[in-house]
Amino acid sequence: MPQHAPAPRVCPDCDGFATAIITTGTHHQDGSRTTTPVTCPTCKGTGTTTPAALTSSTTGSGGWSV
């Protein structure tokens, strides 16, 4: 049977739209608008996140400190 990879989780902050182009309100000499790309700080522009269980930092001793 084929094994399917699980679907990646969509970033809750940007809903998968990781990069947006914002117009600054000014124009270039040729009349085109000046734009600035902005990426989502949570997913860093990927549009997906990893489950919290996979991103927890443990010390190698199962997370327990002595």
Protein backbone atom coordinates (compact mmCIF):
# COMPACT_ATOMS: atom_id res chain seq x y z
CA MET A 1 0.00 0.00 0.00
CA PRO A 2 1.29 3.48 -0.73
CA GLN A 3 2.18 5.63 2.22
CA HIS A 4 1.11 9.22 2.07
CA ALA A 5 2.90 12.07 3.77
CA PRO A 6 0.75 13.99 6.24
CA ALA A 7 -0.46 17.36 5.02
CA PRO A 8 1.62 20.23 6.40
CA ARG A 9 -0.06 22.43 8.99
CA VAL A 10 -1.10 25.85 7.75
CA CYS A 11 0.33 28.74 9.73
CA PRO A 12 -2.38 30.11 12.07
CA ASP A 13 -1.11 33.68 11.78
CA CYS A 14 -1.05 34.09 8.00
CA ASP A 15 -3.43 31.26 6.95
CA GLY A 16 -0.87 30.04 4.42
CA PHE A 17 -0.38 33.42 2.74
CA ALA A 18 3.17 33.81 4.02
CA THR A 19 4.29 36.75 1.88
CA ALA A 20 2.33 39.88 1.07
CA ILE A 21 3.19 42.87 -1.08
CA ILE A 22 2.25 46.20 0.46
CA THR A 23 2.09 49.43 -1.50
CA THR A 24 3.82 52.32 0.23
CA GLY A 25 1.70 55.04 -1.38
CA THR A 26 4.54 56.52 -3.40
CA HIS A 27 5.28 56.11 -7.10
CA HIS A 28 8.40 55.52 -9.18
CA GLN A 29 9.43 57.92 -11.96
CA ASP A 30 7.61 55.74 -14.51
CA GLY A 31 4.35 55.94 -12.53
CA SER A 32 4.41 52.41 -11.10
CA ARG A 33 3.75 51.98 -7.40
CA THR A 34 6.48 51.44 -4.83
CA THR A 35 5.93 48.12 -3.03
CA THR A 36 7.49 46.33 -0.08
CA PRO A 37 7.36 42.54 0.43
CA VAL A 38 6.51 41.44 3.98
CA THR A 39 6.84 37.87 5.27
CA CYS A 40 5.04 36.27 8.19
CA PRO A 41 7.30 36.31 11.28
CA THR A 42 5.75 33.12 12.69
CA CYS A 43 6.40 30.78 9.77
CA LYS A 44 9.24 32.87 8.27
CA GLY A 45 7.61 32.93 4.87
CA THR A 46 6.89 29.22 4.45
CA GLY A 47 3.13 29.29 5.14
CA THR A 48 3.33 26.14 7.26
CA THR A 49 4.21 25.31 10.85
CA THR A 50 5.41 22.18 12.58
CA PRO A 51 3.51 20.61 15.46
CA ALA A 52 4.57 21.83 18.90
CA ALA A 53 5.57 18.30 19.93
CA LEU A 54 8.25 18.28 17.23
CA THR A 55 9.71 21.67 18.13
CA SER A 56 10.10 21.29 21.90
CA SER A 57 13.67 21.54 23.05
CA THR A 58 14.77 18.77 25.36
CA THR A 59 18.13 18.20 26.96
CA GLY A 60 18.45 14.59 25.86
CA SER A 61 17.41 13.22 29.23
CA GLY A 62 13.75 13.16 28.30
CA GLY A 63 13.31 16.78 29.31
CA TRP A 64 13.81 16.06 32.98
CA SER A 65 16.39 18.04 34.90
CA VAL A 66 18.19 16.62 37.90
